[in-house]
């Protein structure tokens, strides 16, 4: 019996379904039928949206700090990778040293 391929949903789709669930103009079962998603999944996306909605309105400075730290982290990982490659190359070329 072949395995069923796991479905993946875009963040836009999840947001649209979660917003529709927040409106509460239809039941979760009706929305599950309409969007072709399990009712538990809709409830989970709705809960996620409620919990993380405040971050959408967080002050800009805090978001900028997070973005800056992520960029710095990426730069440092890139530098670590480059230095590791250089070190491996030099160890290979020099051979065993005293």
N, C-alpha and C. Protein backbone atom coordinates (compact mmCIF):
# COMPACT_ATOMS: atom_id res chain seq x y z
N UNK A 1 0.85 -1.18 0.00
CA UNK A 1 0.00 0.00 0.00
C UNK A 1 0.90 1.25 0.00
N UNK A 2 0.79 2.10 -1.01
CA UNK A 2 1.65 3.29 -1.07
C UNK A 2 1.26 4.31 0.00
N UNK A 3 2.30 5.01 0.46
CA UNK A 3 2.05 6.04 1.48
C UNK A 3 1.36 7.22 0.84
N UNK A 4 0.50 7.84 1.61
CA UNK A 4 -0.20 9.03 1.15
C UNK A 4 0.73 10.23 1.34
N UNK A 5 0.87 11.05 0.31
CA UNK A 5 1.74 12.21 0.40
C UNK A 5 1.14 13.25 1.33
N UNK A 6 1.99 13.80 2.19
CA UNK A 6 1.54 14.79 3.16
C UNK A 6 1.27 16.12 2.47
N UNK A 7 0.13 16.70 2.80
CA UNK A 7 -0.23 17.99 2.19
C UNK A 7 0.43 19.12 2.96
N UNK A 8 0.84 20.14 2.24
CA UNK A 8 1.44 21.31 2.86
C UNK A 8 0.60 22.52 2.47
N UNK A 9 0.40 23.40 3.43
CA UNK A 9 -0.41 24.58 3.21
C UNK A 9 0.45 25.83 3.32
N UNK A 10 0.19 26.79 2.46
CA UNK A 10 0.94 28.04 2.50
C UNK A 10 0.50 28.86 3.71
N UNK A 11 1.37 29.74 4.18
CA UNK A 11 0.99 30.62 5.29
C UNK A 11 -0.23 31.49 4.95
N UNK A 12 -0.35 31.88 3.69
CA UNK A 12 -1.49 32.70 3.28
C UNK A 12 -2.80 31.93 3.42
N UNK A 13 -2.78 30.66 3.02
CA UNK A 13 -3.97 29.81 3.13
C UNK A 13 -4.34 29.63 4.60
N UNK A 14 -3.33 29.34 5.43
CA UNK A 14 -3.58 29.15 6.86
C UNK A 14 -4.19 30.41 7.47
N UNK A 15 -3.65 31.57 7.10
CA UNK A 15 -4.16 32.84 7.63
C UNK A 15 -5.60 33.07 7.20
N UNK A 16 -5.88 32.78 5.93
CA UNK A 16 -7.25 32.98 5.42
C UNK A 16 -8.24 32.09 6.17
N UNK A 17 -7.87 30.83 6.39
CA UNK A 17 -8.76 29.90 7.09
C UNK A 17 -8.91 30.32 8.55
N UNK A 18 -7.80 30.71 9.19
CA UNK A 18 -7.86 31.12 10.60
C UNK A 18 -8.70 32.38 10.77
N UNK A 19 -8.58 33.32 9.86
CA UNK A 19 -9.41 34.54 9.93
C UNK A 19 -10.88 34.21 9.75
N UNK A 20 -11.17 33.30 8.84
CA UNK A 20 -12.57 32.88 8.65
C UNK A 20 -13.09 32.21 9.92
N UNK A 21 -12.23 31.44 10.59
CA UNK A 21 -12.64 30.78 11.83
C UNK A 21 -12.88 31.80 12.94
N UNK A 22 -12.10 32.87 12.94
CA UNK A 22 -12.29 33.92 13.95
C UNK A 22 -13.62 34.64 13.78
N UNK A 23 -14.08 34.76 12.54
CA UNK A 23 -15.36 35.43 12.29
C UNK A 23 -16.52 34.69 12.94
N UNK A 24 -16.40 33.37 13.00
CA UNK A 24 -17.41 32.49 13.60
C UNK A 24 -18.79 32.64 12.98
N UNK A 25 -18.85 32.92 11.66
CA UNK A 25 -20.14 32.99 10.98
C UNK A 25 -20.57 31.61 10.45
N UNK A 26 -19.64 30.65 10.48
CA UNK A 26 -19.93 29.26 10.11
C UNK A 26 -19.31 28.36 11.16
N UNK A 27 -19.75 27.13 11.20
CA UNK A 27 -19.18 26.17 12.15
C UNK A 27 -17.82 25.71 11.62
N UNK A 28 -17.02 25.17 12.52
CA UNK A 28 -15.71 24.63 12.14
C UNK A 28 -15.91 23.50 11.13
N UNK A 29 -16.94 22.69 11.33
CA UNK A 29 -17.20 21.57 10.41
C UNK A 29 -17.53 22.08 9.01
N UNK A 30 -18.29 23.16 8.92
CA UNK A 30 -18.61 23.72 7.60
C UNK A 30 -17.34 24.24 6.92
N UNK A 31 -16.50 24.92 7.69
CA UNK A 31 -15.26 25.44 7.10
C UNK A 31 -14.32 24.30 6.71
N UNK A 32 -14.29 23.24 7.51
CA UNK A 32 -13.45 22.09 7.18
C UNK A 32 -13.87 21.48 5.86
N UNK A 33 -15.16 21.40 5.65
CA UNK A 33 -15.69 20.87 4.40
C UNK A 33 -15.35 21.80 3.23
N UNK A 34 -15.51 23.10 3.46
CA UNK A 34 -15.25 24.08 2.41
C UNK A 34 -13.78 24.11 2.00
N UNK A 35 -12.88 24.11 2.98
CA UNK A 35 -11.45 24.24 2.69
C UNK A 35 -10.73 22.90 2.54
N UNK A 36 -11.40 21.81 2.86
CA UNK A 36 -10.78 20.49 2.72
C UNK A 36 -9.69 20.25 3.75
N UNK A 37 -9.91 20.74 4.97
CA UNK A 37 -8.94 20.61 6.05
C UNK A 37 -9.65 20.01 7.25
N UNK A 38 -8.92 19.25 8.05
CA UNK A 38 -9.51 18.64 9.25
C UNK A 38 -9.92 19.73 10.25
N UNK A 39 -11.06 19.56 10.91
CA UNK A 39 -11.53 20.57 11.88
C UNK A 39 -10.50 20.89 12.98
N UNK A 40 -9.78 19.86 13.45
CA UNK A 40 -8.76 20.11 14.48
C UNK A 40 -7.67 21.05 13.96
N UNK A 41 -7.33 20.92 12.70
CA UNK A 41 -6.31 21.77 12.10
C UNK A 41 -6.78 23.22 12.07
N UNK A 42 -8.03 23.43 11.73
CA UNK A 42 -8.59 24.79 11.71
C UNK A 42 -8.55 25.39 13.11
N UNK A 43 -8.93 24.60 14.11
CA UNK A 43 -8.90 25.09 15.49
C UNK A 43 -7.48 25.45 15.92
N UNK A 44 -6.53 24.63 15.51
CA UNK A 44 -5.13 24.89 15.85
C UNK A 44 -4.65 26.19 15.19
N UNK A 45 -4.95 26.40 13.91
CA UNK A 45 -4.54 27.63 13.23
C UNK A 45 -5.21 28.85 13.86
N UNK A 46 -6.47 28.71 14.25
CA UNK A 46 -7.20 29.80 14.90
C UNK A 46 -6.51 30.17 16.22
N UNK A 47 -6.15 29.16 17.01
CA UNK A 47 -5.48 29.40 18.29
C UNK A 47 -4.13 30.07 18.06
N UNK A 48 -3.38 29.60 17.06
CA UNK A 48 -2.09 30.20 16.73
C UNK A 48 -2.25 31.67 16.36
N UNK A 49 -3.25 31.97 15.56
CA UNK A 49 -3.49 33.35 15.14
C UNK A 49 -3.79 34.23 16.34
N UNK A 50 -4.61 33.75 17.25
CA UNK A 50 -4.94 34.53 18.45
C UNK A 50 -3.70 34.79 19.30
N UNK A 51 -2.86 33.76 19.46
CA UNK A 51 -1.68 33.88 20.31
C UNK A 51 -0.62 34.79 19.71
N UNK A 52 -0.49 34.78 18.39
CA UNK A 52 0.59 35.53 17.76
C UNK A 52 0.14 36.84 17.13
N UNK A 53 -1.10 37.20 17.30
CA UNK A 53 -1.61 38.43 16.70
C UNK A 53 -0.92 39.66 17.27
N UNK A 54 -0.56 39.64 18.54
CA UNK A 54 0.07 40.80 19.18
C UNK A 54 1.42 41.13 18.55
N UNK A 55 2.13 40.13 18.05
CA UNK A 55 3.44 40.41 17.45
C UNK A 55 3.30 41.21 16.16
N UNK A 56 2.15 41.15 15.53
CA UNK A 56 1.94 41.93 14.31
C UNK A 56 1.94 43.42 14.61
N UNK A 57 1.59 43.77 15.85
CA UNK A 57 1.52 45.18 16.23
C UNK A 57 2.64 45.58 17.19
N UNK A 58 3.65 44.74 17.31
CA UNK A 58 4.80 45.07 18.16
C UNK A 58 5.48 46.31 17.61
N UNK A 59 6.10 47.06 18.50
CA UNK A 59 6.75 48.29 18.03
C UNK A 59 7.86 47.96 17.04
N UNK A 60 8.07 48.85 16.10
CA UNK A 60 9.02 48.64 15.01
C UNK A 60 10.44 48.43 15.47
N UNK A 61 10.86 49.09 16.54
CA UNK A 61 12.24 48.97 17.01
C UNK A 61 12.55 47.54 17.42
N UNK A 62 11.62 46.91 18.11
CA UNK A 62 11.85 45.54 18.55
C UNK A 62 11.97 44.61 17.35
N UNK A 63 11.09 44.79 16.37
CA UNK A 63 11.16 43.96 15.16
C UNK A 63 12.47 44.19 14.43
N UNK A 64 12.93 45.45 14.40
CA UNK A 64 14.18 45.77 13.72
C UNK A 64 15.35 45.10 14.43
N UNK A 65 15.31 45.07 15.78
CA UNK A 65 16.37 44.41 16.54
C UNK A 65 16.42 42.92 16.23
N UNK A 66 15.26 42.31 16.14
CA UNK A 66 15.20 40.88 15.84
C UNK A 66 15.76 40.62 14.43
N UNK A 67 15.36 41.45 13.48
CA UNK A 67 15.86 41.29 12.11
C UNK A 67 17.37 41.49 12.05
N UNK A 68 17.87 42.49 12.76
CA UNK A 68 19.31 42.76 12.77
C UNK A 68 20.07 41.60 13.40
N UNK A 69 19.54 41.05 14.48
CA UNK A 69 20.23 39.94 15.12
C UNK A 69 20.21 38.69 14.23
N UNK A 70 19.12 38.48 13.50
CA UNK A 70 19.06 37.35 12.58
C UNK A 70 20.08 37.50 11.45
N UNK A 71 20.21 38.72 10.93
CA UNK A 71 21.20 38.96 9.87
C UNK A 71 22.61 38.75 10.39
N UNK A 72 22.87 39.23 11.62
CA UNK A 72 24.20 39.05 12.22
C UNK A 72 24.50 37.58 12.44
N UNK A 73 23.49 36.83 12.90
CA UNK A 73 23.67 35.40 13.11
C UNK A 73 23.99 34.70 11.80
N UNK A 74 23.29 35.05 10.74
CA UNK A 74 23.53 34.44 9.43
C UNK A 74 24.94 34.77 8.94
N UNK A 75 25.37 36.02 9.15
CA UNK A 75 26.72 36.43 8.74
C UNK A 75 27.77 35.63 9.50
N UNK A 76 27.57 35.45 10.79
CA UNK A 76 28.54 34.72 11.61
C UNK A 76 28.60 33.24 11.21
N UNK A 77 27.44 32.63 10.95
CA UNK A 77 27.45 31.24 10.50
C UNK A 77 28.18 31.10 9.17
N UNK A 78 27.99 32.08 8.29
CA UNK A 78 28.68 32.06 7.00
C UNK A 78 30.19 32.14 7.22
N UNK A 79 30.61 33.01 8.12
CA UNK A 79 32.04 33.17 8.39
C UNK A 79 32.61 31.90 9.03
N UNK A 80 31.87 31.28 9.93
CA UNK A 80 32.32 30.03 10.54
C UNK A 80 32.51 28.96 9.47
N UNK A 81 31.56 28.87 8.56
CA UNK A 81 31.67 27.89 7.48
C UNK A 81 32.88 28.13 6.60
N UNK A 82 33.11 29.40 6.28
CA UNK A 82 34.27 29.74 5.45
C UNK A 82 35.56 29.39 6.17
N UNK A 83 35.67 29.72 7.45
CA UNK A 83 36.87 29.42 8.21
C UNK A 83 37.09 27.91 8.36
N UNK A 84 36.01 27.17 8.49
CA UNK A 84 36.13 25.72 8.59
C UNK A 84 36.68 25.14 7.29
N UNK A 85 36.17 25.62 6.16
CA UNK A 85 36.66 25.14 4.87
C UNK A 85 38.13 25.49 4.71
N UNK A 86 38.52 26.71 5.07
CA UNK A 86 39.92 27.11 4.97
C UNK A 86 40.81 26.23 5.86
N UNK A 87 40.34 25.98 7.09
CA UNK A 87 41.11 25.14 8.02
C UNK A 87 41.27 23.74 7.48
N UNK A 88 40.22 23.15 6.95
CA UNK A 88 40.29 21.80 6.37
C UNK A 88 41.26 21.78 5.19
N UNK A 89 41.22 22.80 4.37
CA UNK A 89 42.09 22.89 3.21
C UNK A 89 43.57 22.94 3.65
N UNK A 90 43.84 23.80 4.64
CA UNK A 90 45.22 23.94 5.11
C UNK A 90 45.71 22.66 5.78
N UNK A 91 44.87 21.98 6.56
CA UNK A 91 45.26 20.72 7.17
C UNK A 91 45.60 19.68 6.11
N UNK A 92 44.84 19.68 5.04
CA UNK A 92 45.06 18.72 3.96
C UNK A 92 46.37 19.02 3.24
N UNK A 93 46.64 20.31 2.97
CA UNK A 93 47.86 20.70 2.24
C UNK A 93 49.11 20.55 3.10
N UNK A 94 49.02 20.87 4.38
CA UNK A 94 50.20 20.82 5.25
C UNK A 94 50.51 19.41 5.71
N UNK A 95 49.51 18.58 5.78
CA UNK A 95 49.73 17.22 6.26
C UNK A 95 49.93 17.25 7.77
N UNK A 96 50.43 16.13 8.31
CA UNK A 96 50.65 16.09 9.77
C UNK A 96 51.76 17.05 10.17
N UNK A 97 51.49 17.88 11.13
CA UNK A 97 52.48 18.83 11.63
C UNK A 97 52.88 18.40 13.03
N UNK A 98 54.16 18.45 13.28
CA UNK A 98 54.72 18.03 14.57
C UNK A 98 53.66 17.74 15.53
